[in-house]
C-alpha atoms as a PDB file:
ATOM      1  CA  MET A   1     -87.091-172.707  75.793  1.00  0.00           C
ATOM      2  CA  THR A   2     -85.504-174.884  73.108  1.00  0.00           C
ATOM      3  CA  VAL A   3     -82.572-177.015  74.269  1.00  0.00           C
ATOM      4  CA  THR A   4     -80.287-178.560  71.672  1.00  0.00           C
ATOM      5  CA  ARG A   5     -78.348-181.753  72.250  1.00  0.00           C
ATOM      6  CA  ARG A   6     -75.192-179.755  72.933  1.00  0.00           C
ATOM      7  CA  ASP A   7     -77.050-177.318  75.219  1.00  0.00           C
ATOM      8  CA  PHE A   8     -78.301-180.274  77.234  1.00  0.00           C
ATOM      9  CA  LEU A   9     -74.858-181.744  77.663  1.00  0.00           C
ATOM     10  CA  LYS A  10     -73.237-178.416  78.426  1.00  0.00           C
ATOM     11  CA  LEU A  11     -75.693-177.671  81.210  1.00  0.00           C
ATOM     12  CA  GLY A  12     -75.527-181.148  82.704  1.00  0.00           C
ATOM     13  CA  SER A  13     -71.761-181.528  82.648  1.00  0.00           C
ATOM     14  CA  ALA A  14     -71.272-178.112  84.192  1.00  0.00           C
ATOM     15  CA  GLY A  15     -73.228-179.323  87.179  1.00  0.00           C
ATOM     16  CA  ALA A  16     -75.743-176.490  86.874  1.00  0.00           C
ATOM     17  CA  LEU A  17     -78.701-178.831  86.496  1.00  0.00           C
ATOM     18  CA  GLY A  18     -79.423-182.476  87.236  1.00  0.00           C
ATOM     19  CA  ALA A  19     -80.820-184.838  84.639  1.00  0.00           C
ATOM     20  CA  ALA A  20     -84.389-184.396  85.895  1.00  0.00           C
ATOM     21  CA  SER A  21     -84.180-180.607  85.556  1.00  0.00           C
ATOM     22  CA  LEU A  22     -82.769-180.928  82.071  1.00  0.00           C
ATOM     23  CA  VAL A  23     -85.567-183.267  81.052  1.00  0.00           C
ATOM     24  CA  SER A  24     -88.160-180.749  82.253  1.00  0.00           C
ATOM     25  CA  ILE A  25     -86.440-177.949  80.332  1.00  0.00           C
ATOM     26  CA  ALA A  26     -86.219-180.012  77.164  1.00  0.00           C
ATOM     27  CA  SER A  27     -89.900-180.918  77.501  1.00  0.00           C
ATOM     28  CA  ALA A  28     -91.027-177.306  77.872  1.00  0.00           C
ATOM     29  CA  GLY A  29     -92.586-175.511  74.933  1.00  0.00           C
ATOM     30  CA  PRO A  30     -90.516-173.124  72.805  1.00  0.00           C
ATOM     31  CA  THR A  31     -89.995-169.612  74.098  1.00  0.00           C
ATOM     32  CA  ALA A  32     -88.117-166.568  72.898  1.00  0.00           C
ATOM     33  CA  GLY A  33     -84.375-167.075  72.940  1.00  0.00           C
ATOM     34  CA  PRO A  34     -81.435-168.205  70.797  1.00  0.00           C
ATOM     35  CA  SER A  35     -82.375-170.420  67.887  1.00  0.00           C
ATOM     36  CA  SER A  36     -81.630-174.132  68.262  1.00  0.00           C
ATOM     37  CA  GLN A  37     -80.486-174.070  64.650  1.00  0.00           C
ATOM     38  CA  GLN A  38     -77.361-172.083  65.494  1.00  0.00           C
ATOM     39  CA  PRO A  39     -74.279-174.332  65.196  1.00  0.00           C
ATOM     40  CA  ALA A  40     -72.048-174.957  68.176  1.00  0.00           C
ATOM     41  CA  THR A  41     -68.655-173.285  67.949  1.00  0.00           C
ATOM     42  CA  HIS A  42     -65.377-174.958  68.882  1.00  0.00           C
ATOM     43  CA  SER A  43     -62.101-173.099  68.897  1.00  0.00           C
ATOM     44  CA  ALA A  44     -59.875-176.159  69.221  1.00  0.00           C
ATOM     45  CA  GLY A  45     -61.554-178.833  67.135  1.00  0.00           C
ATOM     46  CA  HIS A  46     -62.047-182.249  68.726  1.00  0.00           C
ATOM     47  CA  GLY A  47     -60.061-181.375  71.825  1.00  0.00           C
ATOM     48  CA  ASP A  48     -62.399-178.539  72.829  1.00  0.00           C
ATOM     49  CA  ASN A  49     -65.381-180.583  73.976  1.00  0.00           C
ATOM     50  CA  LEU A  50     -68.463-179.486  75.861  1.00  0.00           C
ATOM     51  CA  MET A  51     -67.909-181.651  78.945  1.00  0.00           C
ATOM     52  CA  THR A  52     -65.991-180.486  81.988  1.00  0.00           C
ATOM     53  CA  GLY A  53     -64.908-182.472  85.019  1.00  0.00           C
ATOM     54  CA  ASP A  54     -64.745-186.252  85.231  1.00  0.00           C
ATOM     55  CA  VAL A  55     -66.753-189.274  86.370  1.00  0.00           C
ATOM     56  CA  ASP A  56     -65.370-191.248  89.324  1.00  0.00           C
ATOM     57  CA  PRO A  57     -66.225-194.856  88.405  1.00  0.00           C
ATOM     58  CA  ALA A  58     -65.322-196.345  91.778  1.00  0.00           C
ATOM     59  CA  ASN A  59     -67.672-194.137  93.794  1.00  0.00           C
ATOM     60  CA  VAL A  60     -70.514-193.548  91.341  1.00  0.00           C
ATOM     61  CA  ASN A  61     -71.117-196.335  88.818  1.00  0.00           C
ATOM     62  CA  GLN A  62     -69.136-199.164  90.424  1.00  0.00           C
ATOM     63  CA  PHE A  63     -67.774-199.983  86.986  1.00  0.00           C
ATOM     64  CA  ASP A  64     -64.827-198.443  85.152  1.00  0.00           C
ATOM     65  CA  PRO A  65     -64.688-197.978  81.343  1.00  0.00           C
ATOM     66  CA  THR A  66     -60.917-198.568  81.416  1.00  0.00           C
ATOM     67  CA  ALA A  67     -61.265-201.790  83.410  1.00  0.00           C
ATOM     68  CA  MET A  68     -63.957-202.937  80.955  1.00  0.00           C
ATOM     69  CA  LEU A  69     -61.338-202.950  78.197  1.00  0.00           C
ATOM     70  CA  THR A  70     -59.794-206.116  79.663  1.00  0.00           C
ATOM     71  CA  ASP A  71     -62.482-207.407  82.061  1.00  0.00           C
ATOM     72  CA  TYR A  72     -63.392-210.737  80.439  1.00  0.00           C
ATOM     73  CA  ASP A  73     -65.756-213.071  82.302  1.00  0.00           C
ATOM     74  CA  TYR A  74     -64.842-216.732  81.754  1.00  0.00           C
ATOM     75  CA  GLY A  75     -67.553-217.965  84.127  1.00  0.00           C
ATOM     76  CA  ARG A  76     -67.340-220.775  86.668  1.00  0.00           C
ATOM     77  CA  VAL A  77     -65.447-223.488  84.833  1.00  0.00           C
ATOM     78  CA  SER A  78     -66.102-227.232  85.164  1.00  0.00           C
ATOM     79  CA  THR A  79     -65.871-230.301  82.936  1.00  0.00           C
ATOM     80  CA  LEU A  80     -68.842-232.106  81.399  1.00  0.00           C
ATOM     81  CA  PRO A  81     -69.005-235.942  81.252  1.00  0.00           C
ATOM     82  CA  ASP A  82     -68.041-235.817  77.564  1.00  0.00           C
ATOM     83  CA  GLY A  83     -64.881-233.883  78.444  1.00  0.00           C
ATOM     84  CA  ARG A  84     -66.020-230.497  77.179  1.00  0.00           C
ATOM     85  CA  THR A  85     -65.682-227.297  79.208  1.00  0.00           C
ATOM     86  CA  LEU A  86     -68.806-225.925  80.903  1.00  0.00           C
ATOM     87  CA  ARG A  87     -68.950-222.228  81.761  1.00  0.00           C
ATOM     88  CA  ASP A  88     -71.636-221.119  84.242  1.00  0.00           C
ATOM     89  CA  TYR A  89     -72.807-217.533  84.658  1.00  0.00           C
ATOM     90  CA  ASN A  90     -75.319-215.753  86.884  1.00  0.00           C
ATOM     91  CA  PHE A  91     -77.057-212.728  85.340  1.00  0.00           C
ATOM     92  CA  PHE A  92     -79.341-210.341  87.210  1.00  0.00           C
ATOM     93  CA  ALA A  93     -81.370-207.578  85.559  1.00  0.00           C
ATOM     94  CA  VAL A  94     -81.445-204.589  87.917  1.00  0.00           C
ATOM     95  CA  GLU A  95     -82.425-200.917  87.599  1.00  0.00           C
ATOM     96  CA  LYS A  96     -79.643-198.479  88.383  1.00  0.00           C
ATOM     97  CA  GLU A  97     -78.885-194.793  87.880  1.00  0.00           C
ATOM     98  CA  ILE A  98     -75.503-194.328  86.211  1.00  0.00           C
ATOM     99  CA  GLU A  99     -73.389-191.258  85.438  1.00  0.00           C
ATOM    100  CA  ILE A 100     -72.645-191.159  81.711  1.00  0.00           C
ATOM    101  CA  ALA A 101     -70.952-187.737  81.643  1.00  0.00           C
ATOM    102  CA  PRO A 102     -69.921-185.365  84.437  1.00  0.00           C
ATOM    103  CA  GLY A 103     -73.173-184.347  86.162  1.00  0.00           C
ATOM    104  CA  VAL A 104     -75.387-186.234  83.664  1.00  0.00           C
ATOM    105  CA  PHE A 105     -77.207-189.229  85.159  1.00  0.00           C
ATOM    106  CA  TYR A 106     -79.244-191.855  83.359  1.00  0.00           C
ATOM    107  CA  PRO A 107     -81.867-194.310  84.718  1.00  0.00           C
ATOM    108  CA  ALA A 108     -80.445-197.501  83.226  1.00  0.00           C
ATOM    109  CA  TRP A 109     -81.603-201.099  83.064  1.00  0.00           C
ATOM    110  CA  THR A 110     -78.532-203.252  83.576  1.00  0.00           C
ATOM    111  CA  TYR A 111     -77.187-206.769  83.543  1.00  0.00           C
ATOM    112  CA  ASN A 112     -75.302-207.264  86.822  1.00  0.00           C
ATOM    113  CA  GLY A 113     -75.330-203.549  87.647  1.00  0.00           C
ATOM    114  CA  ARG A 114     -73.184-202.389  84.740  1.00  0.00           C
ATOM    115  CA  VAL A 115     -73.509-201.019  81.206  1.00  0.00           C
ATOM    116  CA  PRO A 116     -72.456-202.813  79.117  1.00  0.00           C
ATOM    117  CA  GLY A 117     -73.054-206.092  80.930  1.00  0.00           C
ATOM    118  CA  PRO A 118     -70.256-208.605  81.582  1.00  0.00           C
ATOM    119  CA  THR A 119     -68.109-209.508  78.579  1.00  0.00           C
ATOM    120  CA  ILE A 120     -68.563-213.269  78.339  1.00  0.00           C
ATOM    121  CA  ARG A 121     -65.599-215.126  76.896  1.00  0.00           C
ATOM    122  CA  ALA A 122     -65.266-218.788  75.910  1.00  0.00           C
ATOM    123  CA  THR A 123     -63.539-221.099  73.444  1.00  0.00           C
ATOM    124  CA  GLU A 124     -65.294-222.545  70.414  1.00  0.00           C
ATOM    125  CA  GLY A 125     -67.213-225.679  71.462  1.00  0.00           C
ATOM    126  CA  ASP A 126     -67.517-224.802  75.169  1.00  0.00           C
ATOM    127  CA  ARG A 127     -70.931-225.222  76.768  1.00  0.00           C
ATOM    128  CA  ILE A 128     -72.441-221.949  78.011  1.00  0.00           C
ATOM    129  CA  ARG A 129     -75.009-221.915  80.813  1.00  0.00           C
ATOM    130  CA  VAL A 130     -76.479-218.552  81.895  1.00  0.00           C
ATOM    131  CA  HIS A 131     -78.912-218.470  84.826  1.00  0.00           C
ATOM    132  CA  PHE A 132     -80.940-215.252  84.488  1.00  0.00           C
ATOM    133  CA  VAL A 133     -83.015-213.596  87.228  1.00  0.00           C
ATOM    134  CA  ASN A 134     -85.176-210.552  86.434  1.00  0.00           C
ATOM    135  CA  GLY A 135     -85.002-208.195  89.398  1.00  0.00           C
ATOM    136  CA  THR A 136     -86.549-205.164  87.660  1.00  0.00           C
ATOM    137  CA  GLY A 137     -90.122-203.911  87.359  1.00  0.00           C
ATOM    138  CA  HIS A 138     -90.351-204.907  83.666  1.00  0.00           C
ATOM    139  CA  PRO A 139     -90.197-208.193  81.696  1.00  0.00           C
ATOM    140  CA  HIS A 140     -86.746-208.843  80.181  1.00  0.00           C
ATOM    141  CA  SER A 141     -84.775-211.558  78.396  1.00  0.00           C
ATOM    142  CA  ILE A 142     -81.326-212.299  76.976  1.00  0.00           C
ATOM    143  CA  HIS A 143     -80.865-212.927  73.255  1.00  0.00           C
ATOM    144  CA  PHE A 144     -77.397-214.259  72.336  1.00  0.00           C
ATOM    145  CA  HIS A 145     -76.017-213.972  68.821  1.00  0.00           C
ATOM    146  CA  GLY A 146     -74.703-217.303  67.518  1.00  0.00           C
ATOM    147  CA  PHE A 147     -75.993-220.853  67.031  1.00  0.00           C
ATOM    148  CA  HIS A 148     -78.548-222.264  69.489  1.00  0.00           C
ATOM    149  CA  LEU A 149     -81.977-223.885  69.698  1.00  0.00           C
ATOM    150  CA  PRO A 150     -84.993-221.607  69.128  1.00  0.00           C
ATOM    151  CA  THR A 151     -86.015-222.281  72.746  1.00  0.00           C
ATOM    152  CA  MET A 152     -82.783-220.544  73.845  1.00  0.00           C
ATOM    153  CA  ASP A 153     -83.246-217.490  71.605  1.00  0.00           C
ATOM    154  CA  GLY A 154     -84.459-215.056  74.286  1.00  0.00           C
ATOM    155  CA  LEU A 155     -87.714-214.162  72.528  1.00  0.00           C
ATOM    156  CA  GLU A 156     -89.823-215.179  75.520  1.00  0.00           C
ATOM    157  CA  PRO A 157     -89.899-212.357  78.121  1.00  0.00           C
ATOM    158  CA  ILE A 158     -88.998-213.402  81.654  1.00  0.00           C
ATOM    159  CA  PRO A 159     -91.597-211.817  83.979  1.00  0.00           C
ATOM    160  CA  VAL A 160     -90.845-209.574  86.939  1.00  0.00           C
ATOM    161  CA  GLY A 161     -89.191-211.724  89.590  1.00  0.00           C
ATOM    162  CA  GLY A 162     -88.898-214.647  87.171  1.00  0.00           C
ATOM    163  CA  GLU A 163     -85.849-216.640  86.127  1.00  0.00           C
ATOM    164  CA  PHE A 164     -84.660-218.780  83.236  1.00  0.00           C
ATOM    165  CA  THR A 165     -81.516-220.721  82.286  1.00  0.00           C
ATOM    166  CA  TYR A 166     -80.094-220.287  78.784  1.00  0.00           C
ATOM    167  CA  GLU A 167     -77.826-223.114  77.613  1.00  0.00           C
ATOM    168  CA  PHE A 168     -76.013-223.515  74.286  1.00  0.00           C
ATOM    169  CA  ASP A 169     -72.630-224.180  72.717  1.00  0.00           C
ATOM    170  CA  ALA A 170     -70.139-221.387  72.008  1.00  0.00           C
ATOM    171  CA  ASP A 171     -70.366-221.425  68.221  1.00  0.00           C
ATOM    172  CA  PRO A 172     -69.241-220.032  65.817  1.00  0.00           C
ATOM    173  CA  PHE A 173     -65.980-218.432  66.930  1.00  0.00           C
ATOM    174  CA  GLY A 174     -65.883-214.667  66.590  1.00  0.00           C
ATOM    175  CA  LEU A 175     -67.102-211.489  68.210  1.00  0.00           C
ATOM    176  CA  HIS A 176     -70.785-211.603  69.148  1.00  0.00           C
ATOM    177  CA  LEU A 177     -73.138-209.787  71.484  1.00  0.00           C
ATOM    178  CA  TYR A 178     -76.189-210.334  73.644  1.00  0.00           C
ATOM    179  CA  HIS A 179     -79.084-208.030  74.481  1.00  0.00           C
ATOM    180  CA  CYS A 180     -82.643-207.946  75.744  1.00  0.00           C
ATOM    181  CA  HIS A 181     -85.165-208.909  73.049  1.00  0.00           C
ATOM    182  CA  THR A 182     -88.357-207.763  74.775  1.00  0.00           C
ATOM    183  CA  LEU A 183     -90.670-205.272  73.063  1.00  0.00           C
ATOM    184  CA  PRO A 184     -90.222-202.411  72.505  1.00  0.00           C
ATOM    185  CA  LEU A 185     -86.727-203.466  71.453  1.00  0.00           C
ATOM    186  CA  LYS A 186     -85.353-199.942  71.029  1.00  0.00           C
ATOM    187  CA  ARG A 187     -86.214-199.106  74.625  1.00  0.00           C
ATOM    188  CA  HIS A 188     -84.862-202.275  76.211  1.00  0.00           C
ATOM    189  CA  ILE A 189     -81.597-202.148  74.289  1.00  0.00           C
ATOM    190  CA  HIS A 190     -81.075-198.417  74.621  1.00  0.00           C
ATOM    191  CA  LYS A 191     -81.674-198.490  78.392  1.00  0.00           C
ATOM    192  CA  GLY A 192     -78.529-200.597  78.813  1.00  0.00           C
ATOM    193  CA  LEU A 193     -79.391-204.292  78.492  1.00  0.00           C
ATOM    194  CA  TYR A 194     -76.549-205.480  76.247  1.00  0.00           C
ATOM    195  CA  GLY A 195     -73.019-206.843  76.396  1.00  0.00           C
ATOM    196  CA  GLY A 196     -70.222-208.583  74.509  1.00  0.00           C
ATOM    197  CA  PHE A 197     -69.774-212.307  73.821  1.00  0.00           C
ATOM    198  CA  ILE A 198     -66.333-213.381  72.558  1.00  0.00           C
ATOM    199  CA  VAL A 199     -65.757-216.913  71.265  1.00  0.00           C
ATOM    200  CA  ASP A 200     -62.091-217.694  70.672  1.00  0.00           C
ATOM    201  CA  PRO A 201     -61.165-220.156  67.875  1.00  0.00           C
ATOM    202  CA  LYS A 202     -59.872-223.519  69.086  1.00  0.00           C
ATOM    203  CA  GLU A 203     -56.459-222.803  67.597  1.00  0.00           C
ATOM    204  CA  GLY A 204     -56.411-219.366  69.237  1.00  0.00           C
ATOM    205  CA  ARG A 205     -55.215-216.067  67.825  1.00  0.00           C
ATOM    206  CA  ALA A 206     -51.765-214.492  67.878  1.00  0.00           C
ATOM    207  CA  PRO A 207     -50.798-213.056  71.294  1.00  0.00           C
ATOM    208  CA  ALA A 208     -51.890-209.409  71.516  1.00  0.00           C
ATOM    209  CA  ARG A 209     -52.986-206.632  73.835  1.00  0.00           C
ATOM    210  CA  GLU A 210     -56.748-207.232  73.646  1.00  0.00           C
ATOM    211  CA  LEU A 211     -59.244-204.445  74.333  1.00  0.00           C
ATOM    212  CA  PHE A 212     -63.062-204.568  74.360  1.00  0.00           C
ATOM    213  CA  MET A 213     -64.991-201.503  73.157  1.00  0.00           C
ATOM    214  CA  MET A 214     -68.780-201.187  73.193  1.00  0.00           C
ATOM    215  CA  MET A 215     -69.854-198.133  71.188  1.00  0.00           C
ATOM    216  CA  ASN A 216     -73.011-196.935  72.941  1.00  0.00           C
ATOM    217  CA  ALA A 217     -75.125-193.798  73.401  1.00  0.00           C
ATOM    218  CA  PHE A 218     -77.864-192.404  75.619  1.00  0.00           C
ATOM    219  CA  ASP A 219     -81.054-190.439  74.995  1.00  0.00           C
ATOM    220  CA  THR A 220     -81.041-188.486  78.231  1.00  0.00           C
ATOM    221  CA  ASN A 221     -84.193-186.426  77.580  1.00  0.00           C
ATOM    222  CA  PHE A 222     -86.154-189.260  75.930  1.00  0.00           C
ATOM    223  CA  ASP A 223     -86.792-187.535  72.611  1.00  0.00           C
ATOM    224  CA  ALA A 224     -85.539-190.457  70.459  1.00  0.00           C
ATOM    225  CA  ALA A 225     -82.196-188.707  69.790  1.00  0.00           C
ATOM    226  CA  ASN A 226     -78.999-189.331  71.731  1.00  0.00           C
ATOM    227  CA  GLU A 227     -77.324-186.622  73.804  1.00  0.00           C
ATOM    228  CA  VAL A 228     -74.250-188.578  74.962  1.00  0.00           C
ATOM    229  CA  TYR A 229     -72.095-190.932  72.865  1.00  0.00           C
ATOM    230  CA  ALA A 230     -69.333-193.086  74.309  1.00  0.00           C
ATOM    231  CA  VAL A 231     -67.161-196.159  74.277  1.00  0.00           C
ATOM    232  CA  ASN A 232     -67.908-198.262  77.361  1.00  0.00           C
ATOM    233  CA  THR A 233     -70.621-195.834  78.539  1.00  0.00           C
ATOM    234  CA  VAL A 234     -68.870-192.669  79.814  1.00  0.00           C
ATOM    235  CA  GLY A 235     -68.477-189.830  77.292  1.00  0.00           C
ATOM    236  CA  PHE A 236     -64.896-188.651  76.637  1.00  0.00           C
ATOM    237  CA  HIS A 237     -63.555-191.125  79.226  1.00  0.00           C
ATOM    238  CA  PHE A 238     -60.661-192.221  77.022  1.00  0.00           C
ATOM    239  CA  GLN A 239     -59.743-188.653  76.192  1.00  0.00           C
ATOM    240  CA  ARG A 240     -59.255-187.981  79.903  1.00  0.00           C
ATOM    241  CA  HIS A 241     -57.768-191.430  80.524  1.00  0.00           C
ATOM    242  CA  PRO A 242     -55.804-192.452  77.394  1.00  0.00           C
ATOM    243  CA  ILE A 243     -55.359-196.167  76.719  1.00  0.00           C
ATOM    244  CA  GLN A 244     -51.773-197.204  77.436  1.00  0.00           C
ATOM    245  CA  VAL A 245     -50.034-199.331  74.754  1.00  0.00           C
ATOM    246  CA  LYS A 246     -46.488-199.821  73.488  1.00  0.00           C
ATOM    247  CA  VAL A 247     -44.705-199.230  70.191  1.00  0.00           C
ATOM    248  CA  ASN A 248     -44.946-202.242  67.826  1.00  0.00           C
ATOM    249  CA  GLU A 249     -47.205-204.139  70.251  1.00  0.00           C
ATOM    250  CA  LEU A 250     -49.990-206.005  68.460  1.00  0.00           C
ATOM    251  CA  ILE A 251     -53.265-204.377  69.550  1.00  0.00           C
ATOM    252  CA  ARG A 252     -56.524-206.294  69.050  1.00  0.00           C
ATOM    253  CA  LEU A 253     -59.749-204.316  69.452  1.00  0.00           C
ATOM    254  CA  TYR A 254     -63.111-206.043  69.891  1.00  0.00           C
ATOM    255  CA  VAL A 255     -65.494-203.326  68.673  1.00  0.00           C
ATOM    256  CA  ILE A 256     -69.318-203.577  68.831  1.00  0.00           C
ATOM    257  CA  ASN A 257     -71.881-200.950  67.854  1.00  0.00           C
ATOM    258  CA  ILE A 258     -75.093-200.988  69.922  1.00  0.00           C
ATOM    259  CA  VAL A 259     -76.176-197.349  69.384  1.00  0.00           C
ATOM    260  CA  GLU A 260     -79.932-196.866  69.062  1.00  0.00           C
ATOM    261  CA  PHE A 261     -81.677-194.040  67.118  1.00  0.00           C
ATOM    262  CA  ASP A 262     -78.769-193.621  64.640  1.00  0.00           C
ATOM    263  CA  LEU A 263     -78.500-195.684  61.466  1.00  0.00           C
ATOM    264  CA  ILE A 264     -74.721-195.869  61.391  1.00  0.00           C
ATOM    265  CA  ASN A 265     -71.703-195.519  63.670  1.00  0.00           C
ATOM    266  CA  SER A 266     -68.006-195.614  62.879  1.00  0.00           C
ATOM    267  CA  PHE A 267     -64.505-196.086  64.260  1.00  0.00           C
ATOM    268  CA  HIS A 268     -61.641-193.951  62.949  1.00  0.00           C
ATOM    269  CA  LEU A 269     -58.017-194.138  64.070  1.00  0.00           C
ATOM    270  CA  HIS A 270     -55.660-191.203  63.501  1.00  0.00           C
ATOM    271  CA  ALA A 271     -52.182-191.581  61.988  1.00  0.00           C
ATOM    272  CA  ASN A 272     -52.452-195.342  61.613  1.00  0.00           C
ATOM    273  CA  PHE A 273     -54.294-198.167  59.823  1.00  0.00           C
ATOM    274  CA  PHE A 274     -55.693-201.496  61.019  1.00  0.00           C
ATOM    275  CA  ASP A 275     -56.654-204.920  59.696  1.00  0.00           C
ATOM    276  CA  VAL A 276     -60.410-205.594  59.836  1.00  0.00           C
ATOM    277  CA  TYR A 277     -61.946-208.986  60.662  1.00  0.00           C
ATOM    278  CA  ARG A 278     -65.691-208.493  60.174  1.00  0.00           C
ATOM    279  CA  THR A 279     -67.534-210.312  63.013  1.00  0.00           C
ATOM    280  CA  GLY A 280     -64.242-212.140  63.656  1.00  0.00           C
ATOM    281  CA  THR A 281     -65.591-215.395  62.198  1.00  0.00           C
ATOM    282  CA  ARG A 282     -62.738-215.745  59.705  1.00  0.00           C
ATOM    283  CA  LEU A 283     -59.014-215.641  60.414  1.00  0.00           C
ATOM    284  CA  LYS A 284     -58.296-213.798  57.158  1.00  0.00           C
ATOM    285  CA  THR A 285     -58.529-210.012  57.138  1.00  0.00           C
ATOM    286  CA  ASP A 286     -61.312-208.340  55.159  1.00  0.00           C
ATOM    287  CA  GLU A 287     -59.644-204.978  54.609  1.00  0.00           C
ATOM    288  CA  PHE A 288     -56.831-202.654  55.673  1.00  0.00           C
ATOM    289  CA  THR A 289     -58.089-199.173  56.495  1.00  0.00           C
ATOM    290  CA  ASP A 290     -58.335-196.440  59.109  1.00  0.00           C
ATOM    291  CA  THR A 291     -62.166-196.155  59.260  1.00  0.00           C
ATOM    292  CA  ILE A 292     -64.973-198.704  59.454  1.00  0.00           C
ATOM    293  CA  MET A 293     -68.737-198.203  59.470  1.00  0.00           C
ATOM    294  CA  LEU A 294     -71.038-200.352  61.625  1.00  0.00           C
ATOM    295  CA  ALA A 295     -74.821-200.513  61.856  1.00  0.00           C
ATOM    296  CA  GLN A 296     -76.433-201.496  65.157  1.00  0.00           C
ATOM    297  CA  GLY A 297     -75.437-205.035  66.110  1.00  0.00           C
ATOM    298  CA  GLU A 298     -72.501-205.112  63.706  1.00  0.00           C
ATOM    299  CA  ARG A 299     -69.057-205.716  65.122  1.00  0.00           C
ATOM    300  CA  ALA A 300     -65.480-206.228  64.031  1.00  0.00           C
ATOM    301  CA  ILE A 301     -62.095-207.263  65.364  1.00  0.00           C
ATOM    302  CA  LEU A 302     -59.421-204.685  64.507  1.00  0.00           C
ATOM    303  CA  GLU A 303     -55.683-205.346  64.707  1.00  0.00           C
ATOM    304  CA  THR A 304     -52.982-202.693  64.576  1.00  0.00           C
ATOM    305  CA  ARG A 305     -49.469-201.754  65.676  1.00  0.00           C
ATOM    306  CA  PHE A 306     -48.227-198.246  66.402  1.00  0.00           C
ATOM    307  CA  ARG A 307     -44.899-197.379  64.775  1.00  0.00           C
ATOM    308  CA  TYR A 308     -44.095-194.298  66.835  1.00  0.00           C
ATOM    309  CA  PRO A 309     -44.600-193.131  70.434  1.00  0.00           C
ATOM    310  CA  GLY A 310     -47.090-190.392  71.188  1.00  0.00           C
ATOM    311  CA  GLN A 311     -50.816-189.836  71.497  1.00  0.00           C
ATOM    312  CA  TYR A 312     -53.167-191.126  68.790  1.00  0.00           C
ATOM    313  CA  MET A 313     -56.791-190.077  68.639  1.00  0.00           C
ATOM    314  CA  PHE A 314     -59.671-192.439  67.854  1.00  0.00           C
ATOM    315  CA  HIS A 315     -63.289-191.389  67.434  1.00  0.00           C
ATOM    316  CA  ALA A 316     -66.507-191.718  65.466  1.00  0.00           C
ATOM    317  CA  HIS A 317     -66.236-190.273  61.978  1.00  0.00           C
ATOM    318  CA  VAL A 318     -69.670-188.793  62.443  1.00  0.00           C
ATOM    319  CA  SER A 319     -68.460-185.473  63.810  1.00  0.00           C
ATOM    320  CA  GLU A 320     -71.537-184.901  65.964  1.00  0.00           C
ATOM    321  CA  PHE A 321     -70.926-188.180  67.815  1.00  0.00           C
ATOM    322  CA  ALA A 322     -67.299-187.228  68.467  1.00  0.00           C
ATOM    323  CA  GLU A 323     -68.310-183.829  69.830  1.00  0.00           C
ATOM    324  CA  LEU A 324     -70.832-185.470  72.156  1.00  0.00           C
ATOM    325  CA  GLY A 325     -68.464-187.919  73.792  1.00  0.00           C
ATOM    326  CA  TRP A 326     -67.328-190.622  71.325  1.00  0.00           C
ATOM    327  CA  LEU A 327     -63.653-189.687  71.288  1.00  0.00           C
ATOM    328  CA  GLY A 328     -60.540-191.026  72.981  1.00  0.00           C
ATOM    329  CA  MET A 329     -56.770-191.404  72.807  1.00  0.00           C
ATOM    330  CA  PHE A 330     -54.158-194.130  72.700  1.00  0.00           C
ATOM    331  CA  GLU A 331     -50.955-193.183  74.514  1.00  0.00           C
ATOM    332  CA  VAL A 332     -48.094-195.105  72.928  1.00  0.00           C
ATOM    333  CA  THR A 333     -44.802-195.469  74.755  1.00  0.00           C
ATOM    334  CA  ALA A 334     -41.498-196.860  73.561  1.00  0.00           C
END
């Protein structure tokens, strides 16, 4: 039996089969039946997706994609002898099964039990200290984007049960990320070991409604092709739970692409445009558009205002990604 990516998701989200059953079906040899080359049909465009039901974040994953939009971790704050701010963090690598679409479960590797990991936030020049403990059955590390000594680069795997303290200055300002840098990289990143790292400029940015979005995806049958695409891990979450904003409110989006197995990802906003600050390391906008393309590890700060009330769609402008979960809505009120 040949199972396409959409077949997989349709079966799993309908609750007919668990992830393990779907993996066994996808691994089986081809048999007589409908061709996998037949295109999926959709009578209502983007709105007619293949997932039914919903994921209860409180009772299943213990993390909520909506809460992740504004859940910034500033660490335990103290003052160094030279007067600078020190921010301390504890990170634990743990194995955890998470629900990434209704009825579709994934055996993730996580930082602090969530995917993505905590969104670290600091001000330019702060001292960052991250104490890492590896509680999984595999070696792992944390590689932070930004300036630091080579000894803090996360290239040395921390063994099972081991620990290490990463320490460096928050520099340069902008939108960065962190992820495991243990071989094979594509497995360790794809399994869920990544997160956001925001460094605010000393002079700050204009007040805004700030929202963090990690564009991620999951290869649920381990064939080196993703079956579920999402923002903040759960497919179609923001279609079912639109993001609430107000007319003329400045919206600042911190967008990171971490998708494995696909060369490019994108962010497209309907009926509106946004200013783009590539990597966020300059305070001058790079472009004014409604679509940006990002390779893995690329990120951008997007700023926009909505002129009119109503619902505005946002999604990947790779149609397949949108149909497999990377699609959501802003609900704008007066």
